[in-house]
Every structure is written in structure tokens, then in C-alpha cells.
Amino acid sequence: MSAPVVTLREITAETVRTICELEPHDAQSGFVAPNAVSIAQAHFNPVAVFRAVYADEEPVGFIMWRPDGDGASCFLWRFMIDKDHQGKGYGRAAITLWLKSLPPQGYKLARTSYVAGAGGPHGFYLAQGFQDTGEIRANGERLMELVL
């Protein structure tokens, strides 16, 4: 049996409840906002883009990004894979799809931030090629970037 195909899909009125029910492991909940909060925030930020992460026809996660003001960089604002679907490669595949979509749109740099702590996403982002910048945001999150 072949591995599921990972895609990033628009969230619709029919799928929003299912996407909002996806959640990380309890120990990871302090590292990412609930999907419902992210979707609400995106509706008040006209440049935000959000998608559901699917493995074949099953929703398994959520990703949200926005362009930075410079027009050359894009900021990964939220990313999560549901607790029941972690460790299957879906996160790596989703980030790879997102990163590959950026250069054709004119982006030269992908940025993200993370909350430091055991069980947090730092190692995952390092494994995807992001590097620490050494900068810490006002909210305490640490910045990372990846030249595309």
C-alpha cells in the first residue's frame, strides 16, 4: 500500500468543524493556538492564508501563513498535525508543499517563530531546514528562517 498523498486544501463551511476539532497532544497545547482561534484570527487579517492538511481524504492538520511587509518573505504563523496523525511524515510533507509554493509567488525567505520548551517544535523546524536567527519577539517566541 502506498503512502497517503498529503495536500493543502481550503477550509469550507462543510469542513471547518472537523478542522477545528483537530488538536495536538496535550503536552503540545502550549505551543500552538487552537485551530478555531487561528481561523478566527485569519478572518481579521486580510493577508492571512490558511489551509487544512489532508492525508488522502482525511484531514490531519492545519497550516496558516501571511506575507511579511517586505514582499520577499513569508511568515508561517500556525502549523499543527493532529495528535492521532503525528509521526507519519504528514508534517514534513505539508511543510515541504508550503515551502515549494513560495518561490513562484516571489518569496525568497520563509520565517516562523516558536515557543521554547521540551516537546516543542524547534527540532522539527530545524529538520525542515529552518535556522535560528537569535531574535526573540516581544511575546518571547524565538524566530527562525529558511532561505528559499
C-alpha atoms as a PDB file:
ATOM      1  CA  MET A   1       0.000   0.000   0.000  1.00  0.00           C
ATOM      2  CA  SER A   2       1.389   3.397  -0.968  1.00  0.00           C
ATOM      3  CA  ALA A   3       1.802   6.268   1.458  1.00  0.00           C
ATOM      4  CA  PRO A   4      -1.089   8.730   1.638  1.00  0.00           C
ATOM      5  CA  VAL A   5      -0.836  11.804  -0.564  1.00  0.00           C
ATOM      6  CA  VAL A   6      -0.579  14.963   1.524  1.00  0.00           C
ATOM      7  CA  THR A   7      -2.345  18.069   0.208  1.00  0.00           C
ATOM      8  CA  LEU A   8      -3.193  21.550   1.484  1.00  0.00           C
ATOM      9  CA  ARG A   9      -6.869  22.357   0.941  1.00  0.00           C
ATOM     10  CA  GLU A  10      -9.172  25.279   1.517  1.00  0.00           C
ATOM     11  CA  ILE A  11     -11.356  25.007   4.594  1.00  0.00           C
ATOM     12  CA  THR A  12     -15.047  25.219   3.740  1.00  0.00           C
ATOM     13  CA  ALA A  13     -18.280  25.579   5.663  1.00  0.00           C
ATOM     14  CA  GLU A  14     -18.586  21.796   5.392  1.00  0.00           C
ATOM     15  CA  THR A  15     -15.102  21.065   6.785  1.00  0.00           C
ATOM     16  CA  VAL A  16     -14.474  23.855   9.319  1.00  0.00           C
ATOM     17  CA  ARG A  17     -15.891  21.971  12.312  1.00  0.00           C
ATOM     18  CA  THR A  18     -13.732  18.921  11.578  1.00  0.00           C
ATOM     19  CA  ILE A  19     -10.616  21.084  11.226  1.00  0.00           C
ATOM     20  CA  CYS A  20     -11.414  22.877  14.492  1.00  0.00           C
ATOM     21  CA  GLU A  21     -11.607  19.507  16.277  1.00  0.00           C
ATOM     22  CA  LEU A  22      -8.032  18.578  15.300  1.00  0.00           C
ATOM     23  CA  GLU A  23      -5.623  19.117  18.191  1.00  0.00           C
ATOM     24  CA  PRO A  24      -2.060  18.353  19.220  1.00  0.00           C
ATOM     25  CA  HIS A  25      -1.053  16.113  22.119  1.00  0.00           C
ATOM     26  CA  ASP A  26      -1.904  17.668  25.486  1.00  0.00           C
ATOM     27  CA  ALA A  27       1.799  18.285  26.154  1.00  0.00           C
ATOM     28  CA  GLN A  28       1.978  20.325  22.921  1.00  0.00           C
ATOM     29  CA  SER A  29      -1.062  22.513  23.533  1.00  0.00           C
ATOM     30  CA  GLY A  30       1.052  25.363  24.919  1.00  0.00           C
ATOM     31  CA  PHE A  31       2.985  25.596  21.658  1.00  0.00           C
ATOM     32  CA  VAL A  32       0.148  26.355  19.212  1.00  0.00           C
ATOM     33  CA  ALA A  33      -3.233  28.078  19.395  1.00  0.00           C
ATOM     34  CA  PRO A  34      -6.388  26.025  18.773  1.00  0.00           C
ATOM     35  CA  ASN A  35      -7.362  25.895  15.102  1.00  0.00           C
ATOM     36  CA  ALA A  36     -10.638  27.703  15.802  1.00  0.00           C
ATOM     37  CA  VAL A  37      -8.685  30.662  17.222  1.00  0.00           C
ATOM     38  CA  SER A  38      -6.340  30.646  14.227  1.00  0.00           C
ATOM     39  CA  ILE A  39      -9.224  30.615  11.743  1.00  0.00           C
ATOM     40  CA  ALA A  40     -10.916  33.467  13.600  1.00  0.00           C
ATOM     41  CA  GLN A  41      -7.686  35.498  13.616  1.00  0.00           C
ATOM     42  CA  ALA A  42      -7.212  34.867   9.901  1.00  0.00           C
ATOM     43  CA  HIS A  43     -10.638  36.300   9.162  1.00  0.00           C
ATOM     44  CA  PHE A  44      -9.493  39.582  10.701  1.00  0.00           C
ATOM     45  CA  ASN A  45      -6.142  39.619   8.899  1.00  0.00           C
ATOM     46  CA  PRO A  46      -6.840  40.102   5.178  1.00  0.00           C
ATOM     47  CA  VAL A  47      -3.439  38.798   4.064  1.00  0.00           C
ATOM     48  CA  ALA A  48      -3.527  35.584   6.113  1.00  0.00           C
ATOM     49  CA  VAL A  49      -3.855  32.301   4.225  1.00  0.00           C
ATOM     50  CA  PHE A  50      -4.943  29.112   5.968  1.00  0.00           C
ATOM     51  CA  ARG A  51      -5.405  25.566   4.786  1.00  0.00           C
ATOM     52  CA  ALA A  52      -6.257  22.149   6.134  1.00  0.00           C
ATOM     53  CA  VAL A  53      -3.608  19.468   5.797  1.00  0.00           C
ATOM     54  CA  TYR A  54      -5.056  16.269   4.315  1.00  0.00           C
ATOM     55  CA  ALA A  55      -3.600  12.779   4.014  1.00  0.00           C
ATOM     56  CA  ASP A  56      -5.546  11.380   1.072  1.00  0.00           C
ATOM     57  CA  GLU A  57      -9.133  12.306   2.031  1.00  0.00           C
ATOM     58  CA  GLU A  58      -8.583  12.596   5.796  1.00  0.00           C
ATOM     59  CA  PRO A  59      -7.958  15.965   7.470  1.00  0.00           C
ATOM     60  CA  VAL A  60      -4.864  15.633   9.666  1.00  0.00           C
ATOM     61  CA  GLY A  61      -3.661  19.173  10.384  1.00  0.00           C
ATOM     62  CA  PHE A  62      -3.709  22.914   9.872  1.00  0.00           C
ATOM     63  CA  ILE A  63      -1.320  25.495   8.419  1.00  0.00           C
ATOM     64  CA  MET A  64      -1.570  29.284   8.297  1.00  0.00           C
ATOM     65  CA  TRP A  65       0.812  31.885   6.895  1.00  0.00           C
ATOM     66  CA  ARG A  66       0.999  35.527   5.919  1.00  0.00           C
ATOM     67  CA  PRO A  67       3.317  37.639   3.804  1.00  0.00           C
ATOM     68  CA  ASP A  68       5.682  39.904   5.685  1.00  0.00           C
ATOM     69  CA  GLY A  69       5.565  43.602   4.868  1.00  0.00           C
ATOM     70  CA  ASP A  70       8.720  43.459   2.736  1.00  0.00           C
ATOM     71  CA  GLY A  71       7.086  41.392  -0.029  1.00  0.00           C
ATOM     72  CA  ALA A  72      10.040  38.987  -0.138  1.00  0.00           C
ATOM     73  CA  SER A  73       9.389  36.921   2.985  1.00  0.00           C
ATOM     74  CA  CYS A  74       6.506  34.867   4.240  1.00  0.00           C
ATOM     75  CA  PHE A  75       5.732  34.026   7.866  1.00  0.00           C
ATOM     76  CA  LEU A  76       4.473  30.598   8.958  1.00  0.00           C
ATOM     77  CA  TRP A  77       2.022  31.760  11.601  1.00  0.00           C
ATOM     78  CA  ARG A  78       0.497  28.451  12.718  1.00  0.00           C
ATOM     79  CA  PHE A  79       1.155  24.814  11.996  1.00  0.00           C
ATOM     80  CA  MET A  80      -0.122  21.660  13.658  1.00  0.00           C
ATOM     81  CA  ILE A  81      -0.671  17.994  12.991  1.00  0.00           C
ATOM     82  CA  ASP A  82      -3.387  16.221  14.987  1.00  0.00           C
ATOM     83  CA  LYS A  83      -2.171  14.004  17.829  1.00  0.00           C
ATOM     84  CA  ASP A  84      -3.528  10.867  16.118  1.00  0.00           C
ATOM     85  CA  HIS A  85      -1.588  11.606  12.926  1.00  0.00           C
ATOM     86  CA  GLN A  86       1.839  12.655  14.191  1.00  0.00           C
ATOM     87  CA  GLY A  87       4.913  10.602  13.358  1.00  0.00           C
ATOM     88  CA  LYS A  88       3.604   9.582   9.931  1.00  0.00           C
ATOM     89  CA  GLY A  89       5.509  12.151   7.841  1.00  0.00           C
ATOM     90  CA  TYR A  90       2.472  14.359   7.226  1.00  0.00           C
ATOM     91  CA  GLY A  91       4.065  17.385   8.901  1.00  0.00           C
ATOM     92  CA  ARG A  92       7.231  17.143   6.816  1.00  0.00           C
ATOM     93  CA  ALA A  93       5.187  16.678   3.649  1.00  0.00           C
ATOM     94  CA  ALA A  94       2.930  19.652   4.425  1.00  0.00           C
ATOM     95  CA  ILE A  95       5.839  21.983   5.187  1.00  0.00           C
ATOM     96  CA  THR A  96       7.590  20.840   2.004  1.00  0.00           C
ATOM     97  CA  LEU A  97       4.457  21.605  -0.056  1.00  0.00           C
ATOM     98  CA  TRP A  98       4.161  25.026   1.569  1.00  0.00           C
ATOM     99  CA  LEU A  99       7.830  25.885   1.051  1.00  0.00           C
ATOM    100  CA  LYS A 100       7.723  24.796  -2.619  1.00  0.00           C
ATOM    101  CA  SER A 101       4.711  27.072  -3.188  1.00  0.00           C
ATOM    102  CA  LEU A 102       6.536  30.204  -2.039  1.00  0.00           C
ATOM    103  CA  PRO A 103       9.223  30.964  -4.691  1.00  0.00           C
ATOM    104  CA  PRO A 104       6.694  31.031  -7.575  1.00  0.00           C
ATOM    105  CA  GLN A 105       4.878  33.726  -5.577  1.00  0.00           C
ATOM    106  CA  GLY A 106       8.062  35.784  -5.345  1.00  0.00           C
ATOM    107  CA  TYR A 107       9.094  34.870  -1.796  1.00  0.00           C
ATOM    108  CA  LYS A 108      12.788  34.442  -1.065  1.00  0.00           C
ATOM    109  CA  LEU A 109      12.610  33.778   2.681  1.00  0.00           C
ATOM    110  CA  ALA A 110      10.324  31.723   4.932  1.00  0.00           C
ATOM    111  CA  ARG A 111      10.163  32.712   8.580  1.00  0.00           C
ATOM    112  CA  THR A 112       8.476  31.261  11.656  1.00  0.00           C
ATOM    113  CA  SER A 113       8.657  31.511  15.408  1.00  0.00           C
ATOM    114  CA  TYR A 114       8.311  29.020  18.211  1.00  0.00           C
ATOM    115  CA  VAL A 115       7.823  28.788  21.932  1.00  0.00           C
ATOM    116  CA  ALA A 116      10.890  27.197  23.512  1.00  0.00           C
ATOM    117  CA  GLY A 117      10.351  24.175  25.715  1.00  0.00           C
ATOM    118  CA  ALA A 118      10.518  20.410  25.951  1.00  0.00           C
ATOM    119  CA  GLY A 119       8.277  18.789  23.351  1.00  0.00           C
ATOM    120  CA  GLY A 120       8.112  21.989  21.299  1.00  0.00           C
ATOM    121  CA  PRO A 121       8.537  22.339  17.539  1.00  0.00           C
ATOM    122  CA  HIS A 122      12.126  23.651  17.457  1.00  0.00           C
ATOM    123  CA  GLY A 123      13.711  20.344  16.418  1.00  0.00           C
ATOM    124  CA  PHE A 124      11.051  19.762  13.783  1.00  0.00           C
ATOM    125  CA  TYR A 125      11.705  23.157  12.165  1.00  0.00           C
ATOM    126  CA  LEU A 126      15.485  22.606  12.284  1.00  0.00           C
ATOM    127  CA  ALA A 127      14.951  19.289  10.482  1.00  0.00           C
ATOM    128  CA  GLN A 128      12.991  21.130   7.762  1.00  0.00           C
ATOM    129  CA  GLY A 129      15.952  23.458   7.146  1.00  0.00           C
ATOM    130  CA  PHE A 130      14.965  26.460   9.257  1.00  0.00           C
ATOM    131  CA  GLN A 131      17.762  28.139  11.225  1.00  0.00           C
ATOM    132  CA  ASP A 132      17.584  30.173  14.408  1.00  0.00           C
ATOM    133  CA  THR A 133      18.089  33.894  13.900  1.00  0.00           C
ATOM    134  CA  GLY A 134      18.824  34.637  17.549  1.00  0.00           C
ATOM    135  CA  GLU A 135      15.981  37.157  17.585  1.00  0.00           C
ATOM    136  CA  ILE A 136      13.312  36.899  20.266  1.00  0.00           C
ATOM    137  CA  ARG A 137       9.917  38.507  19.649  1.00  0.00           C
ATOM    138  CA  ALA A 138       8.163  40.659  22.241  1.00  0.00           C
ATOM    139  CA  ASN A 139       5.934  37.686  23.137  1.00  0.00           C
ATOM    140  CA  GLY A 140       9.018  35.573  23.917  1.00  0.00           C
ATOM    141  CA  GLU A 141       8.852  33.437  20.781  1.00  0.00           C
ATOM    142  CA  ARG A 142      12.153  32.719  19.043  1.00  0.00           C
ATOM    143  CA  LEU A 143      12.499  33.450  15.333  1.00  0.00           C
ATOM    144  CA  MET A 144      13.722  31.053  12.657  1.00  0.00           C
ATOM    145  CA  GLU A 145      14.150  31.471   8.914  1.00  0.00           C
ATOM    146  CA  LEU A 146      14.859  29.496   5.783  1.00  0.00           C
ATOM    147  CA  VAL A 147      16.277  30.999   2.594  1.00  0.00           C
ATOM    148  CA  LEU A 148      14.239  29.643  -0.317  1.00  0.00           C
END
